[in-house]
Amino acid sequence: MNGIRFKTDESTFDERDYRKNNPFGFKNMSNKWLSYHSEEVRPGSRKNLVSHIRHAQGFFEDRNVKEIQFGDLEDFMHSVQLSDKSKHNILSTVHSLFVWIKRRREILALPEFPEVSFELGYRRTVDKETQQRIIEEVGRICTNRKVYLGIKWLATYISIRPGKLIKLQEGNIDTSNGYLYTPASDSKTEYKAIQLIPEDVEILKAIPLTFPNMPFFRHGAGIKGVADNAPFGIKYFYKWWGKAFSNLRIEGVDLYGGTRHSSVRALRKYRSSEEIKGAAMSETNKAFERYMGKDTDDDLRSVYRQSAEVVSIGKADKELTMGKAT
């Protein structure tokens, strides 16, 4: 009773703290947070959130979230036997949880969070001449011309990630204004508007685009073990990239490092950091910007034009415009 009187005097008494179901216990609050966020992120991202929260639940268990402070969070981080990058990601998720709890006015202020520093590793890159040779080899050995086109785009449009590109639908291609629209982050309503260079617009105009919901990057008919018009798998571009650099006896460099990262490094000779950053589109566009031009569009196309200078392959491009992209 003395404790209750003390909390009442300092205006911190909350009868819910004494309920048997422990509504403010870390497990209860974090499970509620996960259930409320299940529809807001992709399945893969939610899997990571669940994993991060499970680590924290194992440490804090039913501890009242109002009692968790800097020292507790620091002890938690020291208990996690993972890389600094993983620790940083886990702590970031826990921080998001506490921001949500504060917005619900269940706590008056956020606890101070410890810092977990880490250094990202470097992907192996290649020079533009080697990059061109690999893309040429892809065009030579793969009969599906869209594989060549997709990998060339990854080297040209440095804002596109392979996982986003393979999800491109025919309805996301605007040849009239010269844009590709790819999903931004985990959002279903925000898109990146990619400014196409004229050569690629002409290639796309020669390819029939009749089904808005049809995957653009898909398999043709008659392939053993693959359904007609099935979309490319997440590793399909890398499969052909790997075959090409193996044929050329080049040491292993992954698809992302050999396209986007290599192009960015090469662009530093010709473009400023701000120009390259703008072309890489680290910030997403709002949905309505699909229909709005920007003053920088011509500048971005100019950067992409520079990036494409040494990866355009006349023969393969010609075959695409002749209707062989199946």
C-alpha atoms as a PDB file:
ATOM      1  CA  MET A   1       0.000   0.000   0.000  1.00  0.00           C
ATOM      2  CA  ASN A   2       2.849   2.371   0.749  1.00  0.00           C
ATOM      3  CA  GLY A   3       4.155   1.818  -2.786  1.00  0.00           C
ATOM      4  CA  ILE A   4       0.766   2.587  -4.295  1.00  0.00           C
ATOM      5  CA  ARG A   5       0.470   5.746  -2.170  1.00  0.00           C
ATOM      6  CA  PHE A   6       3.953   6.834  -3.322  1.00  0.00           C
ATOM      7  CA  LYS A   7       3.104   6.345  -6.996  1.00  0.00           C
ATOM      8  CA  THR A   8      -0.204   8.157  -6.513  1.00  0.00           C
ATOM      9  CA  ASP A   9       1.583  11.119  -4.916  1.00  0.00           C
ATOM     10  CA  GLU A  10       4.037  11.367  -7.834  1.00  0.00           C
ATOM     11  CA  SER A  11       1.179  10.893 -10.371  1.00  0.00           C
ATOM     12  CA  THR A  12       2.651   7.686 -11.830  1.00  0.00           C
ATOM     13  CA  PHE A  13       0.096   5.204 -10.460  1.00  0.00           C
ATOM     14  CA  ASP A  14      -1.493   3.057 -13.176  1.00  0.00           C
ATOM     15  CA  GLU A  15      -3.757   0.250 -12.020  1.00  0.00           C
ATOM     16  CA  ARG A  16      -2.947  -1.676 -15.196  1.00  0.00           C
ATOM     17  CA  ASP A  17       0.570  -2.265 -13.867  1.00  0.00           C
ATOM     18  CA  TYR A  18      -0.954  -4.593 -11.275  1.00  0.00           C
ATOM     19  CA  ARG A  19      -3.219  -6.675 -13.472  1.00  0.00           C
ATOM     20  CA  LYS A  20      -2.558 -10.416 -13.630  1.00  0.00           C
ATOM     21  CA  ASN A  21      -2.455 -10.404 -17.425  1.00  0.00           C
ATOM     22  CA  ASN A  22       0.490  -7.973 -17.307  1.00  0.00           C
ATOM     23  CA  PRO A  23      -0.589  -5.717 -20.228  1.00  0.00           C
ATOM     24  CA  PHE A  24       2.653  -3.729 -20.129  1.00  0.00           C
ATOM     25  CA  GLY A  25       4.909  -6.781 -20.100  1.00  0.00           C
ATOM     26  CA  PHE A  26       7.491  -6.698 -22.881  1.00  0.00           C
ATOM     27  CA  LYS A  27       6.178  -9.893 -24.493  1.00  0.00           C
ATOM     28  CA  ASN A  28       2.594  -8.658 -24.495  1.00  0.00           C
ATOM     29  CA  MET A  29       3.417  -5.201 -25.855  1.00  0.00           C
ATOM     30  CA  SER A  30       5.823  -6.470 -28.506  1.00  0.00           C
ATOM     31  CA  ASN A  31       3.387  -9.158 -29.698  1.00  0.00           C
ATOM     32  CA  LYS A  32       0.661  -6.533 -29.988  1.00  0.00           C
ATOM     33  CA  TRP A  33       3.049  -4.307 -31.975  1.00  0.00           C
ATOM     34  CA  LEU A  34       3.864  -7.171 -34.343  1.00  0.00           C
ATOM     35  CA  SER A  35       0.192  -7.971 -34.882  1.00  0.00           C
ATOM     36  CA  TYR A  36      -0.573  -4.350 -35.725  1.00  0.00           C
ATOM     37  CA  HIS A  37       2.337  -4.171 -38.198  1.00  0.00           C
ATOM     38  CA  SER A  38       1.749  -7.476 -40.000  1.00  0.00           C
ATOM     39  CA  GLU A  39      -0.052  -5.827 -42.922  1.00  0.00           C
ATOM     40  CA  GLU A  40       2.338  -2.916 -43.295  1.00  0.00           C
ATOM     41  CA  VAL A  41       5.476  -4.708 -44.466  1.00  0.00           C
ATOM     42  CA  ARG A  42       6.398  -7.462 -46.881  1.00  0.00           C
ATOM     43  CA  PRO A  43       6.548 -11.059 -45.584  1.00  0.00           C
ATOM     44  CA  GLY A  44      10.349 -11.041 -45.784  1.00  0.00           C
ATOM     45  CA  SER A  45      10.612  -7.841 -43.771  1.00  0.00           C
ATOM     46  CA  ARG A  46       8.113  -9.062 -41.208  1.00  0.00           C
ATOM     47  CA  LYS A  47      10.171 -12.224 -40.786  1.00  0.00           C
ATOM     48  CA  ASN A  48      13.135 -10.050 -39.805  1.00  0.00           C
ATOM     49  CA  LEU A  49      11.011  -8.004 -37.374  1.00  0.00           C
ATOM     50  CA  VAL A  50       9.741 -11.176 -35.707  1.00  0.00           C
ATOM     51  CA  SER A  51      13.282 -12.525 -35.390  1.00  0.00           C
ATOM     52  CA  HIS A  52      14.510  -9.264 -33.825  1.00  0.00           C
ATOM     53  CA  ILE A  53      11.619  -9.139 -31.361  1.00  0.00           C
ATOM     54  CA  ARG A  54      12.104 -12.789 -30.377  1.00  0.00           C
ATOM     55  CA  HIS A  55      15.694 -11.965 -29.374  1.00  0.00           C
ATOM     56  CA  ALA A  56      14.434  -9.127 -27.176  1.00  0.00           C
ATOM     57  CA  GLN A  57      11.588 -11.198 -25.716  1.00  0.00           C
ATOM     58  CA  GLY A  58      14.048 -13.879 -24.676  1.00  0.00           C
ATOM     59  CA  PHE A  59      15.959 -11.270 -22.681  1.00  0.00           C
ATOM     60  CA  PHE A  60      13.228  -8.996 -21.258  1.00  0.00           C
ATOM     61  CA  GLU A  61      10.460 -11.642 -20.996  1.00  0.00           C
ATOM     62  CA  ASP A  62       7.576 -10.119 -18.966  1.00  0.00           C
ATOM     63  CA  ARG A  63       9.478  -7.047 -17.762  1.00  0.00           C
ATOM     64  CA  ASN A  64       7.267  -3.942 -17.627  1.00  0.00           C
ATOM     65  CA  VAL A  65       8.232  -1.749 -20.582  1.00  0.00           C
ATOM     66  CA  LYS A  66       7.996   1.327 -18.335  1.00  0.00           C
ATOM     67  CA  GLU A  67      10.946   0.044 -16.310  1.00  0.00           C
ATOM     68  CA  ILE A  68      13.328  -0.612 -19.227  1.00  0.00           C
ATOM     69  CA  GLN A  69      16.112   1.963 -19.362  1.00  0.00           C
ATOM     70  CA  PHE A  70      19.498   2.515 -21.027  1.00  0.00           C
ATOM     71  CA  GLY A  71      21.353   0.047 -18.809  1.00  0.00           C
ATOM     72  CA  ASP A  72      18.853  -2.707 -19.555  1.00  0.00           C
ATOM     73  CA  LEU A  73      19.153  -2.125 -23.291  1.00  0.00           C
ATOM     74  CA  GLU A  74      22.946  -2.070 -23.061  1.00  0.00           C
ATOM     75  CA  ASP A  75      22.906  -5.372 -21.141  1.00  0.00           C
ATOM     76  CA  PHE A  76      20.609  -6.810 -23.805  1.00  0.00           C
ATOM     77  CA  MET A  77      23.023  -5.842 -26.580  1.00  0.00           C
ATOM     78  CA  HIS A  78      25.930  -7.463 -24.738  1.00  0.00           C
ATOM     79  CA  SER A  79      23.902 -10.654 -24.436  1.00  0.00           C
ATOM     80  CA  VAL A  80      23.330 -10.925 -28.205  1.00  0.00           C
ATOM     81  CA  GLN A  81      26.039 -13.091 -29.796  1.00  0.00           C
ATOM     82  CA  LEU A  82      25.720 -11.801 -33.354  1.00  0.00           C
ATOM     83  CA  SER A  83      27.555  -9.395 -35.647  1.00  0.00           C
ATOM     84  CA  ASP A  84      27.489  -5.673 -34.930  1.00  0.00           C
ATOM     85  CA  LYS A  85      25.334  -5.169 -38.023  1.00  0.00           C
ATOM     86  CA  SER A  86      22.775  -7.673 -36.713  1.00  0.00           C
ATOM     87  CA  LYS A  87      22.864  -6.046 -33.274  1.00  0.00           C
ATOM     88  CA  HIS A  88      22.245  -2.663 -34.883  1.00  0.00           C
ATOM     89  CA  ASN A  89      19.247  -4.019 -36.796  1.00  0.00           C
ATOM     90  CA  ILE A  90      17.768  -5.658 -33.693  1.00  0.00           C
ATOM     91  CA  LEU A  91      18.183  -2.478 -31.644  1.00  0.00           C
ATOM     92  CA  SER A  92      16.583  -0.441 -34.435  1.00  0.00           C
ATOM     93  CA  THR A  93      13.517  -2.699 -34.331  1.00  0.00           C
ATOM     94  CA  VAL A  94      13.282  -2.420 -30.538  1.00  0.00           C
ATOM     95  CA  HIS A  95      13.560   1.358 -30.871  1.00  0.00           C
ATOM     96  CA  SER A  96      10.632   1.354 -33.331  1.00  0.00           C
ATOM     97  CA  LEU A  97       8.649  -0.665 -30.791  1.00  0.00           C
ATOM     98  CA  PHE A  98       9.285   1.898 -28.054  1.00  0.00           C
ATOM     99  CA  VAL A  99       8.394   4.797 -30.360  1.00  0.00           C
ATOM    100  CA  TRP A 100       5.037   3.084 -30.926  1.00  0.00           C
ATOM    101  CA  ILE A 101       4.558   2.561 -27.186  1.00  0.00           C
ATOM    102  CA  LYS A 102       5.226   6.266 -26.573  1.00  0.00           C
ATOM    103  CA  ARG A 103       2.753   7.260 -29.280  1.00  0.00           C
ATOM    104  CA  ARG A 104       0.153   5.219 -27.402  1.00  0.00           C
ATOM    105  CA  ARG A 105       1.079   7.271 -24.325  1.00  0.00           C
ATOM    106  CA  GLU A 106       1.948   4.126 -22.377  1.00  0.00           C
ATOM    107  CA  ILE A 107       5.329   5.666 -21.500  1.00  0.00           C
ATOM    108  CA  LEU A 108       6.105   9.346 -21.003  1.00  0.00           C
ATOM    109  CA  ALA A 109       9.506   9.346 -22.695  1.00  0.00           C
ATOM    110  CA  LEU A 110      11.731   7.071 -24.727  1.00  0.00           C
ATOM    111  CA  PRO A 111      14.604   5.423 -22.875  1.00  0.00           C
ATOM    112  CA  GLU A 112      18.052   6.366 -24.105  1.00  0.00           C
ATOM    113  CA  PHE A 113      19.341   3.741 -26.527  1.00  0.00           C
ATOM    114  CA  PRO A 114      22.969   2.568 -26.746  1.00  0.00           C
ATOM    115  CA  GLU A 115      24.812   2.967 -30.024  1.00  0.00           C
ATOM    116  CA  VAL A 116      26.022  -0.035 -31.991  1.00  0.00           C
ATOM    117  CA  SER A 117      28.499   0.958 -34.674  1.00  0.00           C
ATOM    118  CA  PHE A 118      29.480  -1.246 -37.580  1.00  0.00           C
ATOM    119  CA  GLU A 119      31.228  -1.065 -40.914  1.00  0.00           C
ATOM    120  CA  LEU A 120      29.617  -2.383 -44.067  1.00  0.00           C
ATOM    121  CA  GLY A 121      31.696  -4.718 -46.181  1.00  0.00           C
ATOM    122  CA  TYR A 122      32.609  -3.812 -49.741  1.00  0.00           C
ATOM    123  CA  ARG A 123      31.265  -5.681 -52.721  1.00  0.00           C
ATOM    124  CA  ARG A 124      33.805  -6.624 -55.356  1.00  0.00           C
ATOM    125  CA  THR A 125      33.470  -4.456 -58.442  1.00  0.00           C
ATOM    126  CA  VAL A 126      34.823  -4.542 -61.988  1.00  0.00           C
ATOM    127  CA  ASP A 127      35.841  -1.842 -64.415  1.00  0.00           C
ATOM    128  CA  LYS A 128      33.416  -0.793 -67.138  1.00  0.00           C
ATOM    129  CA  GLU A 129      35.272  -2.695 -69.845  1.00  0.00           C
ATOM    130  CA  THR A 130      34.944  -5.948 -67.877  1.00  0.00           C
ATOM    131  CA  GLN A 131      31.325  -5.164 -67.085  1.00  0.00           C
ATOM    132  CA  GLN A 132      30.639  -4.701 -70.790  1.00  0.00           C
ATOM    133  CA  ARG A 133      32.312  -8.000 -71.641  1.00  0.00           C
ATOM    134  CA  ILE A 134      30.152  -9.867 -69.114  1.00  0.00           C
ATOM    135  CA  ILE A 135      26.942  -8.275 -70.406  1.00  0.00           C
ATOM    136  CA  GLU A 136      27.949  -9.048 -73.995  1.00  0.00           C
ATOM    137  CA  GLU A 137      28.506 -12.674 -72.981  1.00  0.00           C
ATOM    138  CA  VAL A 138      25.045 -12.797 -71.385  1.00  0.00           C
ATOM    139  CA  GLY A 139      23.600 -11.545 -74.666  1.00  0.00           C
ATOM    140  CA  ARG A 140      25.519 -14.237 -76.547  1.00  0.00           C
ATOM    141  CA  ILE A 141      24.622 -17.272 -74.443  1.00  0.00           C
ATOM    142  CA  CYS A 142      21.026 -16.558 -73.329  1.00  0.00           C
ATOM    143  CA  THR A 143      18.212 -16.905 -75.874  1.00  0.00           C
ATOM    144  CA  ASN A 144      15.736 -14.929 -73.771  1.00  0.00           C
ATOM    145  CA  ARG A 145      16.673 -11.398 -74.779  1.00  0.00           C
ATOM    146  CA  LYS A 146      14.981  -9.915 -71.731  1.00  0.00           C
ATOM    147  CA  VAL A 147      17.694 -11.425 -69.545  1.00  0.00           C
ATOM    148  CA  TYR A 148      20.269  -9.377 -71.418  1.00  0.00           C
ATOM    149  CA  LEU A 149      18.040  -6.301 -71.298  1.00  0.00           C
ATOM    150  CA  GLY A 150      17.441  -6.640 -67.548  1.00  0.00           C
ATOM    151  CA  ILE A 151      21.125  -6.977 -66.719  1.00  0.00           C
ATOM    152  CA  LYS A 152      21.983  -4.077 -68.980  1.00  0.00           C
ATOM    153  CA  TRP A 153      19.385  -1.987 -67.172  1.00  0.00           C
ATOM    154  CA  LEU A 154      20.911  -2.888 -63.797  1.00  0.00           C
ATOM    155  CA  ALA A 155      24.212  -1.482 -65.056  1.00  0.00           C
ATOM    156  CA  THR A 156      22.546   1.604 -66.569  1.00  0.00           C
ATOM    157  CA  TYR A 157      19.851   2.624 -64.089  1.00  0.00           C
ATOM    158  CA  ILE A 158      21.780   2.589 -60.849  1.00  0.00           C
ATOM    159  CA  SER A 159      18.629   3.228 -58.795  1.00  0.00           C
ATOM    160  CA  ILE A 160      17.129  -0.201 -59.569  1.00  0.00           C
ATOM    161  CA  ARG A 161      17.772  -3.290 -57.460  1.00  0.00           C
ATOM    162  CA  PRO A 162      17.480  -6.767 -59.033  1.00  0.00           C
ATOM    163  CA  GLY A 163      14.665  -7.813 -56.673  1.00  0.00           C
ATOM    164  CA  LYS A 164      12.575  -4.793 -57.708  1.00  0.00           C
ATOM    165  CA  LEU A 165      13.340  -5.106 -61.410  1.00  0.00           C
ATOM    166  CA  ILE A 166      12.044  -8.666 -61.778  1.00  0.00           C
ATOM    167  CA  LYS A 167       8.722  -7.504 -60.301  1.00  0.00           C
ATOM    168  CA  LEU A 168       8.242  -4.988 -63.100  1.00  0.00           C
ATOM    169  CA  GLN A 169       4.861  -5.387 -64.776  1.00  0.00           C
ATOM    170  CA  GLU A 170       3.993  -4.302 -68.295  1.00  0.00           C
ATOM    171  CA  GLY A 171       1.628  -1.698 -66.836  1.00  0.00           C
ATOM    172  CA  ASN A 172       4.593  -0.099 -65.037  1.00  0.00           C
ATOM    173  CA  ILE A 173       6.216   0.819 -68.350  1.00  0.00           C
ATOM    174  CA  ASP A 174       5.368   4.216 -69.861  1.00  0.00           C
ATOM    175  CA  THR A 175       6.939   4.486 -73.300  1.00  0.00           C
ATOM    176  CA  SER A 176       4.998   7.667 -74.139  1.00  0.00           C
ATOM    177  CA  ASN A 177       6.826   9.670 -71.468  1.00  0.00           C
ATOM    178  CA  GLY A 178       9.866   7.415 -71.069  1.00  0.00           C
ATOM    179  CA  TYR A 179       9.523   5.969 -67.554  1.00  0.00           C
ATOM    180  CA  LEU A 180       9.669   2.743 -65.603  1.00  0.00           C
ATOM    181  CA  TYR A 181       7.788   2.662 -62.293  1.00  0.00           C
ATOM    182  CA  THR A 182       9.205   0.289 -59.697  1.00  0.00           C
ATOM    183  CA  PRO A 183       7.897  -0.213 -56.133  1.00  0.00           C
ATOM    184  CA  ALA A 184       9.684   1.904 -53.549  1.00  0.00           C
ATOM    185  CA  SER A 185      10.837   0.098 -50.397  1.00  0.00           C
ATOM    186  CA  ASP A 186       8.094  -2.082 -48.865  1.00  0.00           C
ATOM    187  CA  SER A 187       5.294   0.261 -49.877  1.00  0.00           C
ATOM    188  CA  LYS A 188       2.437  -0.776 -52.133  1.00  0.00           C
ATOM    189  CA  THR A 189       1.525   2.848 -52.931  1.00  0.00           C
ATOM    190  CA  GLU A 190       4.888   4.536 -53.535  1.00  0.00           C
ATOM    191  CA  TYR A 191       6.988   4.150 -56.657  1.00  0.00           C
ATOM    192  CA  LYS A 192      10.309   5.141 -58.070  1.00  0.00           C
ATOM    193  CA  ALA A 193       9.982   6.809 -61.443  1.00  0.00           C
ATOM    194  CA  ILE A 194      13.011   5.767 -63.511  1.00  0.00           C
ATOM    195  CA  GLN A 195      13.823   8.079 -66.413  1.00  0.00           C
ATOM    196  CA  LEU A 196      14.588   5.928 -69.455  1.00  0.00           C
ATOM    197  CA  ILE A 197      17.202   6.894 -72.009  1.00  0.00           C
ATOM    198  CA  PRO A 198      15.900   7.179 -75.617  1.00  0.00           C
ATOM    199  CA  GLU A 199      17.549   3.961 -76.811  1.00  0.00           C
ATOM    200  CA  ASP A 200      15.670   1.899 -74.238  1.00  0.00           C
ATOM    201  CA  VAL A 201      12.395   3.648 -75.013  1.00  0.00           C
ATOM    202  CA  GLU A 202      12.774   2.592 -78.657  1.00  0.00           C
ATOM    203  CA  ILE A 203      13.520  -1.000 -77.622  1.00  0.00           C
ATOM    204  CA  LEU A 204      10.392  -1.094 -75.464  1.00  0.00           C
ATOM    205  CA  LYS A 205       8.212   0.424 -78.168  1.00  0.00           C
ATOM    206  CA  ALA A 206       9.095  -2.562 -80.364  1.00  0.00           C
ATOM    207  CA  ILE A 207       7.939  -5.043 -77.687  1.00  0.00           C
ATOM    208  CA  PRO A 208       4.157  -5.615 -77.457  1.00  0.00           C
ATOM    209  CA  LEU A 209       2.902  -4.533 -74.004  1.00  0.00           C
ATOM    210  CA  THR A 210      -0.707  -5.669 -73.891  1.00  0.00           C
ATOM    211  CA  PHE A 211      -1.321  -7.036 -70.384  1.00  0.00           C
ATOM    212  CA  PRO A 212      -0.796  -4.457 -67.574  1.00  0.00           C
ATOM    213  CA  ASN A 213      -0.582  -7.091 -64.825  1.00  0.00           C
ATOM    214  CA  MET A 214       1.731  -9.409 -66.768  1.00  0.00           C
ATOM    215  CA  PRO A 215       5.336  -9.639 -65.484  1.00  0.00           C
ATOM    216  CA  PHE A 216       7.617  -8.029 -68.041  1.00  0.00           C
ATOM    217  CA  PHE A 217      10.532 -10.308 -67.143  1.00  0.00           C
ATOM    218  CA  ARG A 218       9.066 -13.750 -67.760  1.00  0.00           C
ATOM    219  CA  HIS A 219       9.939 -17.052 -69.366  1.00  0.00           C
ATOM    220  CA  GLY A 220       8.784 -17.942 -72.854  1.00  0.00           C
ATOM    221  CA  ALA A 221       6.772 -20.984 -73.846  1.00  0.00           C
ATOM    222  CA  GLY A 222       8.075 -24.537 -74.112  1.00  0.00           C
ATOM    223  CA  ILE A 223      10.766 -24.427 -71.426  1.00  0.00           C
ATOM    224  CA  LYS A 224      11.049 -27.756 -69.615  1.00  0.00           C
ATOM    225  CA  GLY A 225       9.943 -27.559 -66.011  1.00  0.00           C
ATOM    226  CA  VAL A 226       8.771 -23.941 -66.271  1.00  0.00           C
ATOM    227  CA  ALA A 227       5.189 -22.773 -66.782  1.00  0.00           C
ATOM    228  CA  ASP A 228       4.553 -20.612 -69.833  1.00  0.00           C
ATOM    229  CA  ASN A 229       4.935 -16.897 -69.006  1.00  0.00           C
ATOM    230  CA  ALA A 230       6.136 -17.655 -65.459  1.00  0.00           C
ATOM    231  CA  PRO A 231       8.018 -14.688 -63.954  1.00  0.00           C
ATOM    232  CA  PHE A 232      11.778 -14.854 -63.480  1.00  0.00           C
ATOM    233  CA  GLY A 233      12.886 -16.088 -60.079  1.00  0.00           C
ATOM    234  CA  ILE A 234      14.834 -13.866 -57.703  1.00  0.00           C
ATOM    235  CA  LYS A 235      18.163 -15.427 -58.766  1.00  0.00           C
ATOM    236  CA  TYR A 236      17.518 -15.752 -62.486  1.00  0.00           C
ATOM    237  CA  PHE A 237      19.537 -12.712 -63.562  1.00  0.00           C
ATOM    238  CA  TYR A 238      22.381 -13.819 -61.330  1.00  0.00           C
ATOM    239  CA  LYS A 239      22.277 -17.320 -62.843  1.00  0.00           C
ATOM    240  CA  TRP A 240      23.096 -15.963 -66.295  1.00  0.00           C
ATOM    241  CA  TRP A 241      25.487 -13.351 -64.950  1.00  0.00           C
ATOM    242  CA  GLY A 242      27.380 -16.157 -63.200  1.00  0.00           C
ATOM    243  CA  LYS A 243      27.526 -18.272 -66.361  1.00  0.00           C
ATOM    244  CA  ALA A 244      28.866 -15.310 -68.332  1.00  0.00           C
ATOM    245  CA  PHE A 245      31.699 -14.362 -65.978  1.00  0.00           C
ATOM    246  CA  SER A 246      32.579 -18.055 -65.585  1.00  0.00           C
ATOM    247  CA  ASN A 247      32.874 -18.394 -69.369  1.00  0.00           C
ATOM    248  CA  LEU A 248      35.164 -15.379 -69.432  1.00  0.00           C
ATOM    249  CA  ARG A 249      37.279 -16.789 -66.568  1.00  0.00           C
ATOM    250  CA  ILE A 250      36.650 -13.716 -64.447  1.00  0.00           C
ATOM    251  CA  GLU A 251      36.869 -14.081 -60.665  1.00  0.00           C
ATOM    252  CA  GLY A 252      33.517 -14.145 -58.924  1.00  0.00           C
ATOM    253  CA  VAL A 253      31.710 -10.829 -58.596  1.00  0.00           C
ATOM    254  CA  ASP A 254      28.044 -10.797 -57.705  1.00  0.00           C
ATOM    255  CA  LEU A 255      25.359  -9.285 -59.910  1.00  0.00           C
ATOM    256  CA  TYR A 256      24.747  -6.204 -57.760  1.00  0.00           C
ATOM    257  CA  GLY A 257      28.443  -5.458 -57.342  1.00  0.00           C
ATOM    258  CA  GLY A 258      29.165  -6.061 -61.019  1.00  0.00           C
ATOM    259  CA  THR A 259      26.339  -3.820 -62.256  1.00  0.00           C
ATOM    260  CA  ARG A 260      25.181  -1.036 -59.925  1.00  0.00           C
ATOM    261  CA  HIS A 261      28.294  -0.715 -57.745  1.00  0.00           C
ATOM    262  CA  SER A 262      30.674  -0.952 -60.677  1.00  0.00           C
ATOM    263  CA  SER A 263      28.732   1.668 -62.632  1.00  0.00           C
ATOM    264  CA  VAL A 264      28.700   4.038 -59.658  1.00  0.00           C
ATOM    265  CA  ARG A 265      32.455   3.747 -59.256  1.00  0.00           C
ATOM    266  CA  ALA A 266      32.987   4.404 -62.973  1.00  0.00           C
ATOM    267  CA  LEU A 267      30.666   7.429 -62.938  1.00  0.00           C
ATOM    268  CA  ARG A 268      32.853   9.162 -60.364  1.00  0.00           C
ATOM    269  CA  LYS A 269      35.238  10.057 -63.189  1.00  0.00           C
ATOM    270  CA  TYR A 270      32.540  11.987 -65.005  1.00  0.00           C
ATOM    271  CA  ARG A 271      29.886  13.072 -62.517  1.00  0.00           C
ATOM    272  CA  SER A 272      29.706  14.811 -59.143  1.00  0.00           C
ATOM    273  CA  SER A 273      28.720  12.991 -55.981  1.00  0.00           C
ATOM    274  CA  GLU A 274      25.402  14.857 -55.879  1.00  0.00           C
ATOM    275  CA  GLU A 275      24.577  13.907 -59.472  1.00  0.00           C
ATOM    276  CA  ILE A 276      25.308  10.234 -58.790  1.00  0.00           C
ATOM    277  CA  LYS A 277      23.343  10.318 -55.542  1.00  0.00           C
ATOM    278  CA  GLY A 278      20.371  11.802 -57.364  1.00  0.00           C
ATOM    279  CA  ALA A 279      20.513   9.128 -60.053  1.00  0.00           C
ATOM    280  CA  ALA A 280      20.728   6.409 -57.382  1.00  0.00           C
ATOM    281  CA  MET A 281      17.448   7.706 -55.891  1.00  0.00           C
ATOM    282  CA  SER A 282      18.014   6.999 -52.247  1.00  0.00           C
ATOM    283  CA  GLU A 283      14.690   8.713 -51.509  1.00  0.00           C
ATOM    284  CA  THR A 284      11.442   7.308 -52.871  1.00  0.00           C
ATOM    285  CA  ASN A 285       8.888   9.100 -54.999  1.00  0.00           C
ATOM    286  CA  LYS A 286       5.276   9.580 -53.910  1.00  0.00           C
ATOM    287  CA  ALA A 287       2.638   7.761 -55.929  1.00  0.00           C
ATOM    288  CA  PHE A 288       1.341  10.910 -57.614  1.00  0.00           C
ATOM    289  CA  GLU A 289       4.824  11.699 -58.891  1.00  0.00           C
ATOM    290  CA  ARG A 290       4.302   8.937 -61.457  1.00  0.00           C
ATOM    291  CA  TYR A 291       2.377  11.548 -63.379  1.00  0.00           C
ATOM    292  CA  MET A 292       4.490  14.582 -62.514  1.00  0.00           C
ATOM    293  CA  GLY A 293       7.697  15.581 -64.260  1.00  0.00           C
ATOM    294  CA  LYS A 294      10.647  16.978 -62.351  1.00  0.00           C
ATOM    295  CA  ASP A 295      13.096  19.707 -63.185  1.00  0.00           C
ATOM    296  CA  THR A 296      15.898  17.173 -62.710  1.00  0.00           C
ATOM    297  CA  ASP A 297      14.579  14.550 -65.135  1.00  0.00           C
ATOM    298  CA  ASP A 298      16.872  15.598 -67.970  1.00  0.00           C
ATOM    299  CA  ASP A 299      19.822  15.684 -65.574  1.00  0.00           C
ATOM    300  CA  LEU A 300      19.107  12.129 -64.402  1.00  0.00           C
ATOM    301  CA  ARG A 301      18.713  10.874 -67.965  1.00  0.00           C
ATOM    302  CA  SER A 302      22.086  12.431 -68.691  1.00  0.00           C
ATOM    303  CA  VAL A 303      23.682  10.432 -65.872  1.00  0.00           C
ATOM    304  CA  TYR A 304      22.032   7.227 -67.065  1.00  0.00           C
ATOM    305  CA  ARG A 305      23.173   8.035 -70.587  1.00  0.00           C
ATOM    306  CA  GLN A 306      26.743   8.270 -69.278  1.00  0.00           C
ATOM    307  CA  SER A 307      26.315   4.976 -67.405  1.00  0.00           C
ATOM    308  CA  ALA A 308      25.039   3.269 -70.547  1.00  0.00           C
ATOM    309  CA  GLU A 309      27.826   4.514 -72.825  1.00  0.00           C
ATOM    310  CA  VAL A 310      29.954   1.423 -72.429  1.00  0.00           C
ATOM    311  CA  VAL A 311      27.275  -1.188 -71.892  1.00  0.00           C
ATOM    312  CA  SER A 312      25.144  -0.737 -75.008  1.00  0.00           C
ATOM    313  CA  ILE A 313      25.477  -3.729 -77.328  1.00  0.00           C
ATOM    314  CA  GLY A 314      24.407  -2.899 -80.830  1.00  0.00           C
ATOM    315  CA  LYS A 315      23.683  -6.440 -81.991  1.00  0.00           C
ATOM    316  CA  ALA A 316      21.689  -7.460 -78.922  1.00  0.00           C
ATOM    317  CA  ASP A 317      19.751  -4.188 -78.922  1.00  0.00           C
ATOM    318  CA  LYS A 318      18.906  -4.682 -82.568  1.00  0.00           C
ATOM    319  CA  GLU A 319      17.616  -8.201 -81.937  1.00  0.00           C
ATOM    320  CA  LEU A 320      15.365  -6.861 -79.196  1.00  0.00           C
ATOM    321  CA  THR A 321      13.864  -4.178 -81.430  1.00  0.00           C
ATOM    322  CA  MET A 322      13.238  -6.827 -84.080  1.00  0.00           C
ATOM    323  CA  GLY A 323      10.814  -8.559 -81.746  1.00  0.00           C
ATOM    324  CA  LYS A 324      12.961 -11.397 -80.387  1.00  0.00           C
ATOM    325  CA  ALA A 325      12.374 -10.517 -76.730  1.00  0.00           C
ATOM    326  CA  THR A 326      10.282 -13.451 -75.566  1.00  0.00           C
END
